[in-house]
């Protein structure tokens, strides 16, 4: 009695698969040929990984056919239907409890770290951070900008970037570059109107990630835009990082100075040097008539610096152009004019003092 194709299929139907069924009912047998006593066939797996796991099944199929009467030779080959599935893109998760570390640590590649702080919100701290970073970059410094205001990140808008940072391995973060400044913000990981609803440990974990997992490269100075107040982010930054010092920003008015004093006191308790004070929104010059007005007072920050024995780093005027430039994503320090000159002077003062 001659060997038939149907007889071979019946024998192969008795070869079970580990996940259920058999190789015939699961339609894995391909290119079956029977020529006299010679049998050849292919077992087609769904992908290369599955084919590698099916080697015992291939051997069992060969054995089942070889045991048949009239079979002189058997050849069974494993193949795959398609390419191996692509590995899923690594998932980068920002936030979570901080990992333990032994005391303050340097940030790889970063020479100096300067925090821009204020005791209260609304004094222009973030605007000063972005413009100072750009002004330093225009004077040849290698500058990074870290938006540490986790609840209210504004640097993506002010710097004109919105692309999500890449992460090749789910751990390393590749920062973005704008106006010659390397930057990172939690705002780049969120939708523009998405709120961050985290407790303190999540904030601390996110800050630790943005300091330690971002590939900052070689930087002369990293500017850190802090949130207002004296809370978890400030504590984490000063206790976990080798800080060069802090610049405290305030408007001249007494209410702002009250909170600025609290920020100065916090940095003193955390043993972080105060590099100096800056008076923001110091003077307003009417673009129509040229009249100069001091809407928030004038000279209060310089007087406070003298009283505390701290350096007074300069005055930044109040200008509609600053707001327009920030909203447009091009800091005013990237251009020319009186306000840009004020930021350039502040940058030169920091460089001359060895602070940036």
C-alpha atoms as a PDB file:
ATOM      1  CA  UNK A   1       0.000   0.000   0.000  1.00  0.00           C
ATOM      2  CA  UNK A   2       1.503   3.335  -1.076  1.00  0.00           C
ATOM      3  CA  UNK A   3       2.010   6.238   1.296  1.00  0.00           C
ATOM      4  CA  UNK A   4      -0.584   8.996   0.826  1.00  0.00           C
ATOM      5  CA  UNK A   5      -0.781  12.646   1.739  1.00  0.00           C
ATOM      6  CA  UNK A   6      -3.945  12.086   3.799  1.00  0.00           C
ATOM      7  CA  UNK A   7      -2.242   9.363   5.804  1.00  0.00           C
ATOM      8  CA  UNK A   8       0.636  11.717   6.631  1.00  0.00           C
ATOM      9  CA  UNK A   9      -1.806  14.443   7.692  1.00  0.00           C
ATOM     10  CA  UNK A  10      -3.603  11.965   9.948  1.00  0.00           C
ATOM     11  CA  UNK A  11      -0.288  11.155  11.616  1.00  0.00           C
ATOM     12  CA  UNK A  12       0.583  14.818  12.043  1.00  0.00           C
ATOM     13  CA  UNK A  13      -2.847  15.522  13.531  1.00  0.00           C
ATOM     14  CA  UNK A  14      -1.749  13.522  16.553  1.00  0.00           C
ATOM     15  CA  UNK A  15       1.083  16.018  17.306  1.00  0.00           C
ATOM     16  CA  UNK A  16      -0.245  18.342  20.000  1.00  0.00           C
ATOM     17  CA  UNK A  17       0.748  21.937  20.613  1.00  0.00           C
ATOM     18  CA  UNK A  18       1.678  23.156  24.124  1.00  0.00           C
ATOM     19  CA  UNK A  19      -1.082  25.775  24.114  1.00  0.00           C
ATOM     20  CA  UNK A  20      -3.786  23.426  22.833  1.00  0.00           C
ATOM     21  CA  UNK A  21      -4.854  21.858  19.550  1.00  0.00           C
ATOM     22  CA  UNK A  22      -2.622  20.117  17.064  1.00  0.00           C
ATOM     23  CA  UNK A  23      -0.472  21.241  14.174  1.00  0.00           C
ATOM     24  CA  UNK A  24      -3.027  20.224  11.525  1.00  0.00           C
ATOM     25  CA  UNK A  25      -6.155  21.712  13.106  1.00  0.00           C
ATOM     26  CA  UNK A  26      -4.199  24.903  13.862  1.00  0.00           C
ATOM     27  CA  UNK A  27      -3.194  25.061  10.156  1.00  0.00           C
ATOM     28  CA  UNK A  28       0.569  25.083  10.748  1.00  0.00           C
ATOM     29  CA  UNK A  29       1.491  22.434   8.157  1.00  0.00           C
ATOM     30  CA  UNK A  30       2.680  23.876   4.841  1.00  0.00           C
ATOM     31  CA  UNK A  31       4.230  22.542   1.591  1.00  0.00           C
ATOM     32  CA  UNK A  32       3.569  18.869   2.376  1.00  0.00           C
ATOM     33  CA  UNK A  33       4.961  16.620  -0.354  1.00  0.00           C
ATOM     34  CA  UNK A  34       4.979  12.800  -0.490  1.00  0.00           C
ATOM     35  CA  UNK A  35       7.225  11.211  -3.121  1.00  0.00           C
ATOM     36  CA  UNK A  36       7.455   7.471  -2.690  1.00  0.00           C
ATOM     37  CA  UNK A  37       8.806   6.998   0.834  1.00  0.00           C
ATOM     38  CA  UNK A  38      10.168  10.547   1.108  1.00  0.00           C
ATOM     39  CA  UNK A  39       8.088  13.096   3.076  1.00  0.00           C
ATOM     40  CA  UNK A  40       8.820  16.812   3.336  1.00  0.00           C
ATOM     41  CA  UNK A  41       6.811  19.556   5.032  1.00  0.00           C
ATOM     42  CA  UNK A  42       7.087  22.951   6.678  1.00  0.00           C
ATOM     43  CA  UNK A  43       5.741  24.036  10.093  1.00  0.00           C
ATOM     44  CA  UNK A  44       4.865  27.732   9.889  1.00  0.00           C
ATOM     45  CA  UNK A  45       4.850  29.579  13.220  1.00  0.00           C
ATOM     46  CA  UNK A  46       3.299  33.042  13.580  1.00  0.00           C
ATOM     47  CA  UNK A  47       6.655  34.771  14.312  1.00  0.00           C
ATOM     48  CA  UNK A  48      10.354  33.920  14.855  1.00  0.00           C
ATOM     49  CA  UNK A  49      10.002  33.786  18.636  1.00  0.00           C
ATOM     50  CA  UNK A  50       7.208  31.217  18.372  1.00  0.00           C
ATOM     51  CA  UNK A  51       9.248  29.226  15.816  1.00  0.00           C
ATOM     52  CA  UNK A  52      12.143  28.938  18.266  1.00  0.00           C
ATOM     53  CA  UNK A  53       9.794  27.638  20.952  1.00  0.00           C
ATOM     54  CA  UNK A  54       8.333  25.035  18.548  1.00  0.00           C
ATOM     55  CA  UNK A  55      11.518  23.024  17.985  1.00  0.00           C
ATOM     56  CA  UNK A  56      10.234  20.162  20.225  1.00  0.00           C
ATOM     57  CA  UNK A  57       7.010  20.132  18.178  1.00  0.00           C
ATOM     58  CA  UNK A  58       9.015  19.863  14.939  1.00  0.00           C
ATOM     59  CA  UNK A  59      10.943  16.909  16.315  1.00  0.00           C
ATOM     60  CA  UNK A  60       7.717  15.225  17.440  1.00  0.00           C
ATOM     61  CA  UNK A  61       6.185  15.740  13.976  1.00  0.00           C
ATOM     62  CA  UNK A  62       9.210  14.190  12.300  1.00  0.00           C
ATOM     63  CA  UNK A  63       9.037  11.260  14.678  1.00  0.00           C
ATOM     64  CA  UNK A  64       5.336  10.705  14.040  1.00  0.00           C
ATOM     65  CA  UNK A  65       5.849  10.506  10.259  1.00  0.00           C
ATOM     66  CA  UNK A  66       9.023   8.421  10.503  1.00  0.00           C
ATOM     67  CA  UNK A  67       7.091   5.784  12.456  1.00  0.00           C
ATOM     68  CA  UNK A  68       4.667   5.296   9.568  1.00  0.00           C
ATOM     69  CA  UNK A  69       4.923   2.250   7.328  1.00  0.00           C
ATOM     70  CA  UNK A  70       6.572   2.995   3.977  1.00  0.00           C
ATOM     71  CA  UNK A  71       8.443   6.135   5.120  1.00  0.00           C
ATOM     72  CA  UNK A  72      12.127   6.135   4.179  1.00  0.00           C
ATOM     73  CA  UNK A  73      13.025   9.748   4.973  1.00  0.00           C
ATOM     74  CA  UNK A  74      11.437  12.789   6.662  1.00  0.00           C
ATOM     75  CA  UNK A  75      12.369  16.459   6.484  1.00  0.00           C
ATOM     76  CA  UNK A  76      10.484  18.990   8.621  1.00  0.00           C
ATOM     77  CA  UNK A  77      11.477  22.658   8.576  1.00  0.00           C
ATOM     78  CA  UNK A  78      10.362  25.437  10.941  1.00  0.00           C
ATOM     79  CA  UNK A  79       9.631  28.858   9.505  1.00  0.00           C
ATOM     80  CA  UNK A  80       7.845  32.016  10.613  1.00  0.00           C
ATOM     81  CA  UNK A  81       4.907  33.789   9.013  1.00  0.00           C
ATOM     82  CA  UNK A  82       6.144  37.326   9.721  1.00  0.00           C
ATOM     83  CA  UNK A  83       8.958  39.318  11.338  1.00  0.00           C
ATOM     84  CA  UNK A  84       9.506  39.305  15.047  1.00  0.00           C
ATOM     85  CA  UNK A  85       7.223  41.758  16.807  1.00  0.00           C
ATOM     86  CA  UNK A  86       8.832  45.058  17.623  1.00  0.00           C
ATOM     87  CA  UNK A  87       9.611  45.602  21.259  1.00  0.00           C
ATOM     88  CA  UNK A  88       7.257  48.127  22.782  1.00  0.00           C
ATOM     89  CA  UNK A  89       8.707  51.590  23.163  1.00  0.00           C
ATOM     90  CA  UNK A  90      10.185  52.035  26.625  1.00  0.00           C
ATOM     91  CA  UNK A  91       7.735  53.747  28.920  1.00  0.00           C
ATOM     92  CA  UNK A  92       9.126  56.742  30.784  1.00  0.00           C
ATOM     93  CA  UNK A  93       7.255  57.496  33.960  1.00  0.00           C
ATOM     94  CA  UNK A  94       7.833  60.778  35.741  1.00  0.00           C
ATOM     95  CA  UNK A  95       7.011  61.015  39.418  1.00  0.00           C
ATOM     96  CA  UNK A  96       7.052  58.474  42.211  1.00  0.00           C
ATOM     97  CA  UNK A  97       8.785  58.321  45.540  1.00  0.00           C
ATOM     98  CA  UNK A  98      12.431  59.423  45.494  1.00  0.00           C
ATOM     99  CA  UNK A  99      15.154  56.818  45.750  1.00  0.00           C
ATOM    100  CA  UNK A 100      17.525  56.965  48.728  1.00  0.00           C
ATOM    101  CA  UNK A 101      20.885  58.650  48.267  1.00  0.00           C
ATOM    102  CA  UNK A 102      23.784  59.430  50.574  1.00  0.00           C
ATOM    103  CA  UNK A 103      23.794  63.215  50.910  1.00  0.00           C
ATOM    104  CA  UNK A 104      23.902  65.883  48.201  1.00  0.00           C
ATOM    105  CA  UNK A 105      25.089  64.645  44.812  1.00  0.00           C
ATOM    106  CA  UNK A 106      26.492  66.495  41.791  1.00  0.00           C
ATOM    107  CA  UNK A 107      24.614  66.455  38.492  1.00  0.00           C
ATOM    108  CA  UNK A 108      26.725  64.721  35.853  1.00  0.00           C
ATOM    109  CA  UNK A 109      28.388  67.194  33.492  1.00  0.00           C
ATOM    110  CA  UNK A 110      27.039  70.297  35.255  1.00  0.00           C
ATOM    111  CA  UNK A 111      29.572  72.734  36.704  1.00  0.00           C
ATOM    112  CA  UNK A 112      27.276  75.133  38.599  1.00  0.00           C
ATOM    113  CA  UNK A 113      23.636  74.991  39.693  1.00  0.00           C
ATOM    114  CA  UNK A 114      21.777  78.227  40.418  1.00  0.00           C
ATOM    115  CA  UNK A 115      18.243  78.251  41.810  1.00  0.00           C
ATOM    116  CA  UNK A 116      15.961  81.159  40.929  1.00  0.00           C
ATOM    117  CA  UNK A 117      13.604  81.570  43.858  1.00  0.00           C
ATOM    118  CA  UNK A 118      10.961  83.823  45.344  1.00  0.00           C
ATOM    119  CA  UNK A 119       8.906  83.699  48.464  1.00  0.00           C
ATOM    120  CA  UNK A 120       5.673  84.391  46.603  1.00  0.00           C
ATOM    121  CA  UNK A 121       4.226  83.860  43.167  1.00  0.00           C
ATOM    122  CA  UNK A 122       3.687  86.503  40.528  1.00  0.00           C
ATOM    123  CA  UNK A 123       6.991  88.349  40.883  1.00  0.00           C
ATOM    124  CA  UNK A 124       8.346  87.171  37.514  1.00  0.00           C
ATOM    125  CA  UNK A 125      10.649  84.398  38.709  1.00  0.00           C
ATOM    126  CA  UNK A 126       9.997  82.116  35.715  1.00  0.00           C
ATOM    127  CA  UNK A 127      10.358  85.013  33.277  1.00  0.00           C
ATOM    128  CA  UNK A 128      13.678  85.920  34.847  1.00  0.00           C
ATOM    129  CA  UNK A 129      14.823  82.262  34.731  1.00  0.00           C
ATOM    130  CA  UNK A 130      14.211  81.831  31.009  1.00  0.00           C
ATOM    131  CA  UNK A 131      15.629  85.227  30.062  1.00  0.00           C
ATOM    132  CA  UNK A 132      18.703  84.848  32.260  1.00  0.00           C
ATOM    133  CA  UNK A 133      19.362  81.418  30.720  1.00  0.00           C
ATOM    134  CA  UNK A 134      19.145  82.888  27.205  1.00  0.00           C
ATOM    135  CA  UNK A 135      21.281  85.904  28.156  1.00  0.00           C
ATOM    136  CA  UNK A 136      23.995  83.622  29.550  1.00  0.00           C
ATOM    137  CA  UNK A 137      23.872  81.449  26.428  1.00  0.00           C
ATOM    138  CA  UNK A 138      24.275  84.542  24.210  1.00  0.00           C
ATOM    139  CA  UNK A 139      27.459  85.329  26.112  1.00  0.00           C
ATOM    140  CA  UNK A 140      28.941  81.951  25.293  1.00  0.00           C
ATOM    141  CA  UNK A 141      28.006  79.950  28.353  1.00  0.00           C
ATOM    142  CA  UNK A 142      26.718  76.372  28.057  1.00  0.00           C
ATOM    143  CA  UNK A 143      23.385  76.713  29.846  1.00  0.00           C
ATOM    144  CA  UNK A 144      20.646  74.364  31.002  1.00  0.00           C
ATOM    145  CA  UNK A 145      17.204  75.355  32.261  1.00  0.00           C
ATOM    146  CA  UNK A 146      15.241  73.078  34.585  1.00  0.00           C
ATOM    147  CA  UNK A 147      11.599  73.967  35.214  1.00  0.00           C
ATOM    148  CA  UNK A 148      11.147  72.696  38.776  1.00  0.00           C
ATOM    149  CA  UNK A 149       7.734  74.318  39.199  1.00  0.00           C
ATOM    150  CA  UNK A 150       5.956  70.961  39.007  1.00  0.00           C
ATOM    151  CA  UNK A 151       2.432  72.258  39.659  1.00  0.00           C
ATOM    152  CA  UNK A 152       2.715  75.260  37.348  1.00  0.00           C
ATOM    153  CA  UNK A 153       5.299  74.583  34.637  1.00  0.00           C
ATOM    154  CA  UNK A 154       5.567  77.585  32.324  1.00  0.00           C
ATOM    155  CA  UNK A 155       8.964  77.213  30.667  1.00  0.00           C
ATOM    156  CA  UNK A 156       7.721  75.205  27.641  1.00  0.00           C
ATOM    157  CA  UNK A 157       5.528  78.142  26.622  1.00  0.00           C
ATOM    158  CA  UNK A 158       8.132  80.785  27.441  1.00  0.00           C
ATOM    159  CA  UNK A 159      10.877  78.927  25.566  1.00  0.00           C
ATOM    160  CA  UNK A 160       8.621  78.008  22.649  1.00  0.00           C
ATOM    161  CA  UNK A 161       8.936  74.203  22.848  1.00  0.00           C
ATOM    162  CA  UNK A 162       6.255  71.526  23.061  1.00  0.00           C
ATOM    163  CA  UNK A 163       7.855  68.288  21.834  1.00  0.00           C
ATOM    164  CA  UNK A 164       7.891  65.402  24.310  1.00  0.00           C
ATOM    165  CA  UNK A 165      11.462  64.497  25.337  1.00  0.00           C
ATOM    166  CA  UNK A 166      12.702  61.145  24.038  1.00  0.00           C
ATOM    167  CA  UNK A 167      13.706  58.260  26.280  1.00  0.00           C
ATOM    168  CA  UNK A 168      15.611  55.478  24.482  1.00  0.00           C
ATOM    169  CA  UNK A 169      15.516  53.077  27.433  1.00  0.00           C
ATOM    170  CA  UNK A 170      12.632  54.259  29.622  1.00  0.00           C
ATOM    171  CA  UNK A 171      15.119  55.766  32.099  1.00  0.00           C
ATOM    172  CA  UNK A 172      17.377  58.245  30.329  1.00  0.00           C
ATOM    173  CA  UNK A 173      15.669  61.499  29.299  1.00  0.00           C
ATOM    174  CA  UNK A 174      16.892  63.441  26.272  1.00  0.00           C
ATOM    175  CA  UNK A 175      16.230  67.160  26.914  1.00  0.00           C
ATOM    176  CA  UNK A 176      15.203  69.686  24.290  1.00  0.00           C
ATOM    177  CA  UNK A 177      17.115  72.737  23.100  1.00  0.00           C
ATOM    178  CA  UNK A 178      15.719  76.221  22.465  1.00  0.00           C
ATOM    179  CA  UNK A 179      17.472  79.569  21.943  1.00  0.00           C
ATOM    180  CA  UNK A 180      20.826  77.944  22.733  1.00  0.00           C
ATOM    181  CA  UNK A 181      19.585  76.570  26.056  1.00  0.00           C
ATOM    182  CA  UNK A 182      19.184  72.896  26.999  1.00  0.00           C
ATOM    183  CA  UNK A 183      15.886  72.567  28.848  1.00  0.00           C
ATOM    184  CA  UNK A 184      13.607  70.155  30.651  1.00  0.00           C
ATOM    185  CA  UNK A 185      10.179  70.641  32.210  1.00  0.00           C
ATOM    186  CA  UNK A 186       7.459  68.380  33.564  1.00  0.00           C
ATOM    187  CA  UNK A 187       5.198  70.439  31.293  1.00  0.00           C
ATOM    188  CA  UNK A 188       6.756  68.698  28.285  1.00  0.00           C
ATOM    189  CA  UNK A 189       5.428  65.377  29.577  1.00  0.00           C
ATOM    190  CA  UNK A 190       1.829  66.593  29.946  1.00  0.00           C
ATOM    191  CA  UNK A 191      -0.937  68.048  27.861  1.00  0.00           C
ATOM    192  CA  UNK A 192      -0.925  71.832  28.099  1.00  0.00           C
ATOM    193  CA  UNK A 193      -4.058  71.977  30.268  1.00  0.00           C
ATOM    194  CA  UNK A 194      -3.402  68.805  32.275  1.00  0.00           C
ATOM    195  CA  UNK A 195      -3.017  69.295  36.025  1.00  0.00           C
ATOM    196  CA  UNK A 196      -0.403  67.585  38.187  1.00  0.00           C
ATOM    197  CA  UNK A 197      -2.219  66.218  41.244  1.00  0.00           C
ATOM    198  CA  UNK A 198       0.572  64.788  43.376  1.00  0.00           C
ATOM    199  CA  UNK A 199       1.522  64.676  47.011  1.00  0.00           C
ATOM    200  CA  UNK A 200       4.949  65.740  48.219  1.00  0.00           C
ATOM    201  CA  UNK A 201       6.864  62.475  47.651  1.00  0.00           C
ATOM    202  CA  UNK A 202       5.817  62.444  43.989  1.00  0.00           C
ATOM    203  CA  UNK A 203       7.184  65.968  43.569  1.00  0.00           C
ATOM    204  CA  UNK A 204      10.471  64.989  45.137  1.00  0.00           C
ATOM    205  CA  UNK A 205      10.724  61.894  42.957  1.00  0.00           C
ATOM    206  CA  UNK A 206      10.030  63.892  39.799  1.00  0.00           C
ATOM    207  CA  UNK A 207      12.677  66.486  40.672  1.00  0.00           C
ATOM    208  CA  UNK A 208      15.208  63.754  41.402  1.00  0.00           C
ATOM    209  CA  UNK A 209      14.486  62.195  37.999  1.00  0.00           C
ATOM    210  CA  UNK A 210      14.855  65.478  36.125  1.00  0.00           C
ATOM    211  CA  UNK A 211      18.176  66.137  37.815  1.00  0.00           C
ATOM    212  CA  UNK A 212      19.649  62.645  37.591  1.00  0.00           C
ATOM    213  CA  UNK A 213      18.081  61.004  34.537  1.00  0.00           C
ATOM    214  CA  UNK A 214      18.238  63.902  32.071  1.00  0.00           C
ATOM    215  CA  UNK A 215      21.273  63.830  29.772  1.00  0.00           C
ATOM    216  CA  UNK A 216      22.252  67.439  30.391  1.00  0.00           C
ATOM    217  CA  UNK A 217      25.607  67.090  28.657  1.00  0.00           C
ATOM    218  CA  UNK A 218      28.453  69.422  29.599  1.00  0.00           C
ATOM    219  CA  UNK A 219      27.037  72.620  31.102  1.00  0.00           C
ATOM    220  CA  UNK A 220      28.691  75.647  32.638  1.00  0.00           C
ATOM    221  CA  UNK A 221      25.537  76.411  34.579  1.00  0.00           C
ATOM    222  CA  UNK A 222      22.102  74.899  35.183  1.00  0.00           C
ATOM    223  CA  UNK A 223      19.375  77.426  36.007  1.00  0.00           C
ATOM    224  CA  UNK A 224      16.605  75.921  38.150  1.00  0.00           C
ATOM    225  CA  UNK A 225      13.253  77.721  38.083  1.00  0.00           C
ATOM    226  CA  UNK A 226      11.767  76.953  41.498  1.00  0.00           C
ATOM    227  CA  UNK A 227       8.099  77.185  42.480  1.00  0.00           C
ATOM    228  CA  UNK A 228       7.148  79.940  44.907  1.00  0.00           C
ATOM    229  CA  UNK A 229       7.294  79.288  48.621  1.00  0.00           C
ATOM    230  CA  UNK A 230       9.487  77.198  50.879  1.00  0.00           C
ATOM    231  CA  UNK A 231       8.239  73.646  50.342  1.00  0.00           C
ATOM    232  CA  UNK A 232       9.187  70.175  49.209  1.00  0.00           C
ATOM    233  CA  UNK A 233      10.861  71.076  45.925  1.00  0.00           C
ATOM    234  CA  UNK A 234      13.156  73.636  47.542  1.00  0.00           C
ATOM    235  CA  UNK A 235      14.074  71.210  50.323  1.00  0.00           C
ATOM    236  CA  UNK A 236      14.741  68.371  47.904  1.00  0.00           C
ATOM    237  CA  UNK A 237      16.905  70.495  45.617  1.00  0.00           C
ATOM    238  CA  UNK A 238      19.090  71.874  48.397  1.00  0.00           C
ATOM    239  CA  UNK A 239      19.417  68.624  50.349  1.00  0.00           C
ATOM    240  CA  UNK A 240      20.066  66.296  47.397  1.00  0.00           C
ATOM    241  CA  UNK A 241      22.153  68.448  45.049  1.00  0.00           C
ATOM    242  CA  UNK A 242      25.428  70.358  45.249  1.00  0.00           C
ATOM    243  CA  UNK A 243      24.082  73.874  44.833  1.00  0.00           C
ATOM    244  CA  UNK A 244      26.218  76.838  43.789  1.00  0.00           C
ATOM    245  CA  UNK A 245      23.625  79.156  45.282  1.00  0.00           C
ATOM    246  CA  UNK A 246      20.287  80.885  44.855  1.00  0.00           C
ATOM    247  CA  UNK A 247      19.129  84.165  43.361  1.00  0.00           C
ATOM    248  CA  UNK A 248      16.056  85.617  45.070  1.00  0.00           C
ATOM    249  CA  UNK A 249      13.661  87.626  42.897  1.00  0.00           C
ATOM    250  CA  UNK A 250      11.204  90.160  44.274  1.00  0.00           C
ATOM    251  CA  UNK A 251       9.244  93.191  43.236  1.00  0.00           C
ATOM    252  CA  UNK A 252       9.987  96.334  45.303  1.00  0.00           C
ATOM    253  CA  UNK A 253       6.696  96.295  47.208  1.00  0.00           C
ATOM    254  CA  UNK A 254       6.674  95.463  50.916  1.00  0.00           C
ATOM    255  CA  UNK A 255       4.345  92.462  50.592  1.00  0.00           C
ATOM    256  CA  UNK A 256       6.702  90.763  48.119  1.00  0.00           C
ATOM    257  CA  UNK A 257       9.720  91.573  50.262  1.00  0.00           C
ATOM    258  CA  UNK A 258       8.106  89.929  53.287  1.00  0.00           C
ATOM    259  CA  UNK A 259       7.994  86.623  51.430  1.00  0.00           C
ATOM    260  CA  UNK A 260      11.435  87.154  49.902  1.00  0.00           C
ATOM    261  CA  UNK A 261      12.849  87.347  53.429  1.00  0.00           C
ATOM    262  CA  UNK A 262      11.283  83.973  54.180  1.00  0.00           C
ATOM    263  CA  UNK A 263      12.934  82.477  51.105  1.00  0.00           C
ATOM    264  CA  UNK A 264      16.290  83.935  52.181  1.00  0.00           C
ATOM    265  CA  UNK A 265      15.830  82.509  55.670  1.00  0.00           C
ATOM    266  CA  UNK A 266      15.008  79.069  54.195  1.00  0.00           C
ATOM    267  CA  UNK A 267      18.189  79.017  52.111  1.00  0.00           C
ATOM    268  CA  UNK A 268      20.166  80.042  55.196  1.00  0.00           C
ATOM    269  CA  UNK A 269      18.768  77.108  57.156  1.00  0.00           C
ATOM    270  CA  UNK A 270      19.575  74.784  54.246  1.00  0.00           C
ATOM    271  CA  UNK A 271      23.126  76.211  54.034  1.00  0.00           C
ATOM    272  CA  UNK A 272      22.638  77.318  50.424  1.00  0.00           C
ATOM    273  CA  UNK A 273      24.484  80.554  49.589  1.00  0.00           C
ATOM    274  CA  UNK A 274      22.470  83.541  48.413  1.00  0.00           C
ATOM    275  CA  UNK A 275      24.215  84.811  45.297  1.00  0.00           C
ATOM    276  CA  UNK A 276      22.187  88.001  45.278  1.00  0.00           C
ATOM    277  CA  UNK A 277      18.815  89.709  44.933  1.00  0.00           C
ATOM    278  CA  UNK A 278      17.127  90.994  41.785  1.00  0.00           C
ATOM    279  CA  UNK A 279      14.420  93.644  41.660  1.00  0.00           C
ATOM    280  CA  UNK A 280      11.908  92.746  38.969  1.00  0.00           C
ATOM    281  CA  UNK A 281       9.194  95.021  37.561  1.00  0.00           C
ATOM    282  CA  UNK A 282      11.307  97.869  38.890  1.00  0.00           C
ATOM    283  CA  UNK A 283      10.386 100.658  36.510  1.00  0.00           C
ATOM    284  CA  UNK A 284       7.691 101.164  33.887  1.00  0.00           C
ATOM    285  CA  UNK A 285       8.301 103.542  30.991  1.00  0.00           C
ATOM    286  CA  UNK A 286       5.207 104.493  28.987  1.00  0.00           C
ATOM    287  CA  UNK A 287       5.820 103.582  25.335  1.00  0.00           C
ATOM    288  CA  UNK A 288       3.682 106.536  24.182  1.00  0.00           C
ATOM    289  CA  UNK A 289       4.913 109.457  26.238  1.00  0.00           C
ATOM    290  CA  UNK A 290       8.091 108.152  27.861  1.00  0.00           C
ATOM    291  CA  UNK A 291       6.875 108.852  31.397  1.00  0.00           C
ATOM    292  CA  UNK A 292       8.611 106.690  34.000  1.00  0.00           C
ATOM    293  CA  UNK A 293       6.432 105.222  36.755  1.00  0.00           C
ATOM    294  CA  UNK A 294       7.186 102.931  39.685  1.00  0.00           C
ATOM    295  CA  UNK A 295       4.027 100.851  39.841  1.00  0.00           C
ATOM    296  CA  UNK A 296       5.316  98.549  42.596  1.00  0.00           C
ATOM    297  CA  UNK A 297       7.646 101.031  44.241  1.00  0.00           C
ATOM    298  CA  UNK A 298      11.346 101.313  43.529  1.00  0.00           C
ATOM    299  CA  UNK A 299      14.582 100.490  45.299  1.00  0.00           C
ATOM    300  CA  UNK A 300      13.049  98.244  47.939  1.00  0.00           C
ATOM    301  CA  UNK A 301      15.050  95.187  46.910  1.00  0.00           C
ATOM    302  CA  UNK A 302      18.346  97.107  46.768  1.00  0.00           C
ATOM    303  CA  UNK A 303      17.650  98.465  50.264  1.00  0.00           C
ATOM    304  CA  UNK A 304      16.816  94.958  51.518  1.00  0.00           C
ATOM    305  CA  UNK A 305      20.034  93.567  50.029  1.00  0.00           C
ATOM    306  CA  UNK A 306      22.068  96.291  51.734  1.00  0.00           C
ATOM    307  CA  UNK A 307      20.280  95.632  55.033  1.00  0.00           C
ATOM    308  CA  UNK A 308      21.044  91.894  54.861  1.00  0.00           C
ATOM    309  CA  UNK A 309      24.573  92.331  53.521  1.00  0.00           C
ATOM    310  CA  UNK A 310      23.751  90.506  50.279  1.00  0.00           C
ATOM    311  CA  UNK A 311      24.750  91.422  46.708  1.00  0.00           C
ATOM    312  CA  UNK A 312      22.211  93.410  44.710  1.00  0.00           C
ATOM    313  CA  UNK A 313      22.439  92.054  41.172  1.00  0.00           C
ATOM    314  CA  UNK A 314      20.279  94.547  39.316  1.00  0.00           C
ATOM    315  CA  UNK A 315      16.895  95.838  38.228  1.00  0.00           C
ATOM    316  CA  UNK A 316      14.659  94.479  35.465  1.00  0.00           C
ATOM    317  CA  UNK A 317      12.038  96.939  34.141  1.00  0.00           C
ATOM    318  CA  UNK A 318       8.356  96.192  33.706  1.00  0.00           C
ATOM    319  CA  UNK A 319       7.530  96.049  30.008  1.00  0.00           C
ATOM    320  CA  UNK A 320       4.653  94.853  27.863  1.00  0.00           C
ATOM    321  CA  UNK A 321       7.244  93.462  25.448  1.00  0.00           C
ATOM    322  CA  UNK A 322       8.407  90.972  28.097  1.00  0.00           C
ATOM    323  CA  UNK A 323       4.929  89.497  28.343  1.00  0.00           C
ATOM    324  CA  UNK A 324       4.444  89.399  24.582  1.00  0.00           C
ATOM    325  CA  UNK A 325       7.818  87.733  24.047  1.00  0.00           C
ATOM    326  CA  UNK A 326       7.177  85.134  26.742  1.00  0.00           C
ATOM    327  CA  UNK A 327       3.753  84.254  25.370  1.00  0.00           C
ATOM    328  CA  UNK A 328       5.251  83.961  21.877  1.00  0.00           C
ATOM    329  CA  UNK A 329       7.953  81.553  23.036  1.00  0.00           C
ATOM    330  CA  UNK A 330      10.926  83.818  22.324  1.00  0.00           C
ATOM    331  CA  UNK A 331      12.369  85.337  25.522  1.00  0.00           C
ATOM    332  CA  UNK A 332      13.036  89.048  25.187  1.00  0.00           C
ATOM    333  CA  UNK A 333      16.682  88.446  26.113  1.00  0.00           C
ATOM    334  CA  UNK A 334      17.077  86.743  22.727  1.00  0.00           C
ATOM    335  CA  UNK A 335      16.622  90.113  21.017  1.00  0.00           C
ATOM    336  CA  UNK A 336      17.774  93.683  21.495  1.00  0.00           C
ATOM    337  CA  UNK A 337      16.470  96.661  23.450  1.00  0.00           C
ATOM    338  CA  UNK A 338      16.532  98.085  26.969  1.00  0.00           C
ATOM    339  CA  UNK A 339      15.045  95.022  28.687  1.00  0.00           C
ATOM    340  CA  UNK A 340      17.328  92.620  26.834  1.00  0.00           C
ATOM    341  CA  UNK A 341      20.227  94.841  27.884  1.00  0.00           C
ATOM    342  CA  UNK A 342      19.146  94.531  31.542  1.00  0.00           C
ATOM    343  CA  UNK A 343      19.287  90.739  31.328  1.00  0.00           C
ATOM    344  CA  UNK A 344      22.616  90.887  29.493  1.00  0.00           C
ATOM    345  CA  UNK A 345      24.027  93.066  32.277  1.00  0.00           C
ATOM    346  CA  UNK A 346      22.758  90.610  34.907  1.00  0.00           C
ATOM    347  CA  UNK A 347      24.379  87.723  33.009  1.00  0.00           C
ATOM    348  CA  UNK A 348      27.699  89.608  32.754  1.00  0.00           C
ATOM    349  CA  UNK A 349      27.635  90.313  36.466  1.00  0.00           C
ATOM    350  CA  UNK A 350      27.185  86.617  37.268  1.00  0.00           C
ATOM    351  CA  UNK A 351      29.956  85.583  34.891  1.00  0.00           C
ATOM    352  CA  UNK A 352      32.341  88.243  36.216  1.00  0.00           C
ATOM    353  CA  UNK A 353      31.653  87.064  39.774  1.00  0.00           C
ATOM    354  CA  UNK A 354      32.443  83.454  38.861  1.00  0.00           C
ATOM    355  CA  UNK A 355      28.844  82.422  39.550  1.00  0.00           C
ATOM    356  CA  UNK A 356      27.905  81.308  36.020  1.00  0.00           C
END
